């Protein structure tokens, strides 16, 4: 499972020209589910995301987590995080999980974040969305459970 996490001042999702959801200070989590991912990956990634210290303290050092600052999260499904561009010029998405598995694990990730007390808004799984992100910093962090769990 992969997540591209962006610390934001605000963010939102539009579907068919209408606001579906929006957050203030917090994180946008673009979430990709890979073939072979499981509930334990979603739980690990939710815990890592909630506790990742990417918010500054009074000295400007990354010392506070999303939970510490009581920030919001906007989770958007993003199968393109599994795009393989190793051959040719068109990304190959065969590493992404099938839609039924991906949707189930996406929802499991969202629930795991909510269980930690984080206010979570979402896009709509598999919908065509316009995502507005006002990155704060900019701060962008890449997490991959296959790399994170290997150490």
C-alpha atoms as a PDB file:
ATOM      1  CA  UNK A   1       0.000   0.000   0.000  1.00  0.00           C
ATOM      2  CA  UNK A   2       1.304   3.421  -0.885  1.00  0.00           C
ATOM      3  CA  UNK A   3       0.495   6.894   0.357  1.00  0.00           C
ATOM      4  CA  UNK A   4       1.605  10.268  -0.860  1.00  0.00           C
ATOM      5  CA  UNK A   5       0.999  12.579   2.095  1.00  0.00           C
ATOM      6  CA  UNK A   6       0.881  16.335   1.708  1.00  0.00           C
ATOM      7  CA  UNK A   7       0.673  18.729   4.622  1.00  0.00           C
ATOM      8  CA  UNK A   8      -1.964  21.280   3.654  1.00  0.00           C
ATOM      9  CA  UNK A   9      -3.472  24.571   4.704  1.00  0.00           C
ATOM     10  CA  UNK A  10      -6.686  23.416   3.040  1.00  0.00           C
ATOM     11  CA  UNK A  11      -7.872  20.986   0.398  1.00  0.00           C
ATOM     12  CA  UNK A  12     -11.029  19.758  -1.254  1.00  0.00           C
ATOM     13  CA  UNK A  13     -12.586  17.375  -3.726  1.00  0.00           C
ATOM     14  CA  UNK A  14     -15.071  18.283  -6.429  1.00  0.00           C
ATOM     15  CA  UNK A  15     -17.138  15.759  -8.344  1.00  0.00           C
ATOM     16  CA  UNK A  16     -19.074  16.894 -11.416  1.00  0.00           C
ATOM     17  CA  UNK A  17     -18.383  20.531 -10.519  1.00  0.00           C
ATOM     18  CA  UNK A  18     -19.764  20.299  -6.984  1.00  0.00           C
ATOM     19  CA  UNK A  19     -17.821  20.283  -3.721  1.00  0.00           C
ATOM     20  CA  UNK A  20     -17.919  16.793  -2.264  1.00  0.00           C
ATOM     21  CA  UNK A  21     -15.659  17.352   0.744  1.00  0.00           C
ATOM     22  CA  UNK A  22     -13.140  19.830   2.091  1.00  0.00           C
ATOM     23  CA  UNK A  23     -10.698  20.160   4.973  1.00  0.00           C
ATOM     24  CA  UNK A  24      -8.716  22.891   6.671  1.00  0.00           C
ATOM     25  CA  UNK A  25      -5.269  22.392   8.189  1.00  0.00           C
ATOM     26  CA  UNK A  26      -4.135  18.798   7.981  1.00  0.00           C
ATOM     27  CA  UNK A  27      -3.056  16.246   5.400  1.00  0.00           C
ATOM     28  CA  UNK A  28      -4.168  15.066   2.009  1.00  0.00           C
ATOM     29  CA  UNK A  29      -3.464  11.366   1.658  1.00  0.00           C
ATOM     30  CA  UNK A  30      -3.397  10.050  -1.884  1.00  0.00           C
ATOM     31  CA  UNK A  31      -3.787   6.320  -1.261  1.00  0.00           C
ATOM     32  CA  UNK A  32      -2.875   3.506  -3.620  1.00  0.00           C
ATOM     33  CA  UNK A  33      -3.625  -0.138  -2.940  1.00  0.00           C
ATOM     34  CA  UNK A  34      -1.365  -2.736  -4.521  1.00  0.00           C
ATOM     35  CA  UNK A  35      -1.925  -6.339  -5.517  1.00  0.00           C
ATOM     36  CA  UNK A  36      -1.405  -8.488  -2.416  1.00  0.00           C
ATOM     37  CA  UNK A  37      -2.027  -5.722   0.136  1.00  0.00           C
ATOM     38  CA  UNK A  38      -4.030  -6.672   3.230  1.00  0.00           C
ATOM     39  CA  UNK A  39      -5.798  -5.144   6.247  1.00  0.00           C
ATOM     40  CA  UNK A  40      -2.532  -5.143   8.210  1.00  0.00           C
ATOM     41  CA  UNK A  41      -1.027  -2.845   5.552  1.00  0.00           C
ATOM     42  CA  UNK A  42      -3.944  -0.415   5.890  1.00  0.00           C
ATOM     43  CA  UNK A  43      -3.650  -0.419   9.685  1.00  0.00           C
ATOM     44  CA  UNK A  44       0.139   0.050   9.607  1.00  0.00           C
ATOM     45  CA  UNK A  45      -0.144   2.894   7.118  1.00  0.00           C
ATOM     46  CA  UNK A  46      -2.941   4.607   9.070  1.00  0.00           C
ATOM     47  CA  UNK A  47      -0.875   4.463  12.262  1.00  0.00           C
ATOM     48  CA  UNK A  48       2.235   5.748  10.487  1.00  0.00           C
ATOM     49  CA  UNK A  49       0.251   8.555   8.843  1.00  0.00           C
ATOM     50  CA  UNK A  50      -1.496   9.651  12.043  1.00  0.00           C
ATOM     51  CA  UNK A  51       1.753   9.753  14.009  1.00  0.00           C
ATOM     52  CA  UNK A  52       4.124  11.070  11.339  1.00  0.00           C
ATOM     53  CA  UNK A  53       5.765  14.208  12.754  1.00  0.00           C
ATOM     54  CA  UNK A  54       5.492  16.643   9.843  1.00  0.00           C
ATOM     55  CA  UNK A  55       4.015  19.679  11.611  1.00  0.00           C
ATOM     56  CA  UNK A  56       6.372  22.278  13.033  1.00  0.00           C
ATOM     57  CA  UNK A  57       6.872  23.190  16.669  1.00  0.00           C
ATOM     58  CA  UNK A  58       7.494  26.776  17.814  1.00  0.00           C
ATOM     59  CA  UNK A  59      11.136  26.468  16.682  1.00  0.00           C
ATOM     60  CA  UNK A  60      10.150  25.378  13.187  1.00  0.00           C
ATOM     61  CA  UNK A  61      11.231  21.746  13.606  1.00  0.00           C
ATOM     62  CA  UNK A  62       9.036  18.843  12.560  1.00  0.00           C
ATOM     63  CA  UNK A  63       7.867  17.722  15.968  1.00  0.00           C
ATOM     64  CA  UNK A  64       4.069  17.348  15.843  1.00  0.00           C
ATOM     65  CA  UNK A  65       1.833  14.765  14.205  1.00  0.00           C
ATOM     66  CA  UNK A  66      -1.586  15.065  12.628  1.00  0.00           C
ATOM     67  CA  UNK A  67      -3.007  13.778  15.910  1.00  0.00           C
ATOM     68  CA  UNK A  68      -1.017  16.330  17.946  1.00  0.00           C
ATOM     69  CA  UNK A  69      -2.293  19.308  15.942  1.00  0.00           C
ATOM     70  CA  UNK A  70      -5.814  17.877  15.707  1.00  0.00           C
ATOM     71  CA  UNK A  71      -5.605  18.251  11.942  1.00  0.00           C
ATOM     72  CA  UNK A  72      -8.036  16.863   9.416  1.00  0.00           C
ATOM     73  CA  UNK A  73      -7.342  14.282   6.731  1.00  0.00           C
ATOM     74  CA  UNK A  74      -8.636  14.099   3.177  1.00  0.00           C
ATOM     75  CA  UNK A  75      -8.149  10.599   1.764  1.00  0.00           C
ATOM     76  CA  UNK A  76      -8.344  10.180  -2.008  1.00  0.00           C
ATOM     77  CA  UNK A  77      -8.004   6.851  -3.812  1.00  0.00           C
ATOM     78  CA  UNK A  78      -5.122   6.951  -6.284  1.00  0.00           C
ATOM     79  CA  UNK A  79      -4.413   3.746  -8.220  1.00  0.00           C
ATOM     80  CA  UNK A  80      -1.929   5.679 -10.366  1.00  0.00           C
ATOM     81  CA  UNK A  81       0.575   5.472  -7.488  1.00  0.00           C
ATOM     82  CA  UNK A  82       1.155   1.957  -8.837  1.00  0.00           C
ATOM     83  CA  UNK A  83       1.947   3.169 -12.349  1.00  0.00           C
ATOM     84  CA  UNK A  84       5.081   1.421 -13.623  1.00  0.00           C
ATOM     85  CA  UNK A  85       6.912   3.458 -16.248  1.00  0.00           C
ATOM     86  CA  UNK A  86       9.877   1.106 -16.598  1.00  0.00           C
ATOM     87  CA  UNK A  87       8.974   0.138 -20.157  1.00  0.00           C
ATOM     88  CA  UNK A  88       7.667   2.450 -22.823  1.00  0.00           C
ATOM     89  CA  UNK A  89       5.902   5.721 -22.270  1.00  0.00           C
ATOM     90  CA  UNK A  90       2.503   4.563 -21.064  1.00  0.00           C
ATOM     91  CA  UNK A  91       2.241   3.636 -17.372  1.00  0.00           C
ATOM     92  CA  UNK A  92       1.377   0.013 -16.609  1.00  0.00           C
ATOM     93  CA  UNK A  93      -1.061  -0.299 -13.709  1.00  0.00           C
ATOM     94  CA  UNK A  94      -1.032  -4.086 -13.288  1.00  0.00           C
ATOM     95  CA  UNK A  95       0.599  -3.677  -9.857  1.00  0.00           C
ATOM     96  CA  UNK A  96      -2.545  -1.985  -8.528  1.00  0.00           C
ATOM     97  CA  UNK A  97      -5.106  -4.098  -6.695  1.00  0.00           C
ATOM     98  CA  UNK A  98      -8.356  -5.053  -8.397  1.00  0.00           C
ATOM     99  CA  UNK A  99     -11.133  -2.504  -7.721  1.00  0.00           C
ATOM    100  CA  UNK A 100     -13.083  -4.690  -5.248  1.00  0.00           C
ATOM    101  CA  UNK A 101     -10.001  -5.343  -3.096  1.00  0.00           C
ATOM    102  CA  UNK A 102      -8.755  -1.775  -3.435  1.00  0.00           C
ATOM    103  CA  UNK A 103     -12.119  -0.305  -2.389  1.00  0.00           C
ATOM    104  CA  UNK A 104     -12.343  -2.562   0.651  1.00  0.00           C
ATOM    105  CA  UNK A 105      -8.809  -1.698   1.798  1.00  0.00           C
ATOM    106  CA  UNK A 106      -9.321   2.004   1.085  1.00  0.00           C
ATOM    107  CA  UNK A 107     -12.346   1.941   3.410  1.00  0.00           C
ATOM    108  CA  UNK A 108     -10.360  -0.042   5.998  1.00  0.00           C
ATOM    109  CA  UNK A 109      -7.620   2.630   5.936  1.00  0.00           C
ATOM    110  CA  UNK A 110     -10.198   5.419   6.373  1.00  0.00           C
ATOM    111  CA  UNK A 111     -11.785   3.595   9.321  1.00  0.00           C
ATOM    112  CA  UNK A 112      -8.374   3.000  10.929  1.00  0.00           C
ATOM    113  CA  UNK A 113      -7.633   6.755  10.761  1.00  0.00           C
ATOM    114  CA  UNK A 114     -11.051   7.598  12.204  1.00  0.00           C
ATOM    115  CA  UNK A 115     -10.495   5.081  15.006  1.00  0.00           C
ATOM    116  CA  UNK A 116      -7.483   7.192  16.010  1.00  0.00           C
ATOM    117  CA  UNK A 117      -9.760  10.202  16.497  1.00  0.00           C
ATOM    118  CA  UNK A 118      -8.846  11.973  13.263  1.00  0.00           C
ATOM    119  CA  UNK A 119     -11.546  13.870  11.375  1.00  0.00           C
ATOM    120  CA  UNK A 120     -11.463  12.202   7.953  1.00  0.00           C
ATOM    121  CA  UNK A 121     -13.096  13.358   4.745  1.00  0.00           C
ATOM    122  CA  UNK A 122     -12.880  11.374   1.531  1.00  0.00           C
ATOM    123  CA  UNK A 123     -13.254  11.474  -2.171  1.00  0.00           C
ATOM    124  CA  UNK A 124     -15.401   8.825  -3.852  1.00  0.00           C
ATOM    125  CA  UNK A 125     -13.617   5.595  -4.654  1.00  0.00           C
ATOM    126  CA  UNK A 126     -13.100   5.161  -8.425  1.00  0.00           C
ATOM    127  CA  UNK A 127     -14.815   8.471  -9.263  1.00  0.00           C
ATOM    128  CA  UNK A 128     -13.331  11.091 -11.543  1.00  0.00           C
ATOM    129  CA  UNK A 129     -12.483  13.931  -9.172  1.00  0.00           C
ATOM    130  CA  UNK A 130     -10.911  17.349  -9.163  1.00  0.00           C
ATOM    131  CA  UNK A 131      -8.648  17.641  -6.128  1.00  0.00           C
ATOM    132  CA  UNK A 132      -7.526  21.057  -4.923  1.00  0.00           C
ATOM    133  CA  UNK A 133      -4.490  20.953  -2.645  1.00  0.00           C
ATOM    134  CA  UNK A 134      -2.966  23.999  -0.974  1.00  0.00           C
ATOM    135  CA  UNK A 135       0.301  22.411   0.150  1.00  0.00           C
ATOM    136  CA  UNK A 136       1.838  23.908   3.292  1.00  0.00           C
ATOM    137  CA  UNK A 137       5.610  24.127   3.178  1.00  0.00           C
ATOM    138  CA  UNK A 138       5.574  22.443   0.735  1.00  0.00           C
ATOM    139  CA  UNK A 139       5.754  19.192   2.673  1.00  0.00           C
ATOM    140  CA  UNK A 140       5.203  15.956   0.760  1.00  0.00           C
ATOM    141  CA  UNK A 141       6.079  12.499   2.144  1.00  0.00           C
ATOM    142  CA  UNK A 142       6.013   9.128   0.351  1.00  0.00           C
ATOM    143  CA  UNK A 143       5.155   5.965   2.313  1.00  0.00           C
ATOM    144  CA  UNK A 144       5.166   2.414   0.957  1.00  0.00           C
ATOM    145  CA  UNK A 145       4.262  -0.432   3.330  1.00  0.00           C
ATOM    146  CA  UNK A 146       6.528  -2.856   1.488  1.00  0.00           C
ATOM    147  CA  UNK A 147       9.506  -0.627   2.197  1.00  0.00           C
ATOM    148  CA  UNK A 148       8.399   0.585   5.640  1.00  0.00           C
ATOM    149  CA  UNK A 149       7.780  -2.937   6.967  1.00  0.00           C
ATOM    150  CA  UNK A 150      11.063  -4.327   5.638  1.00  0.00           C
ATOM    151  CA  UNK A 151      13.311  -2.793   8.307  1.00  0.00           C
END
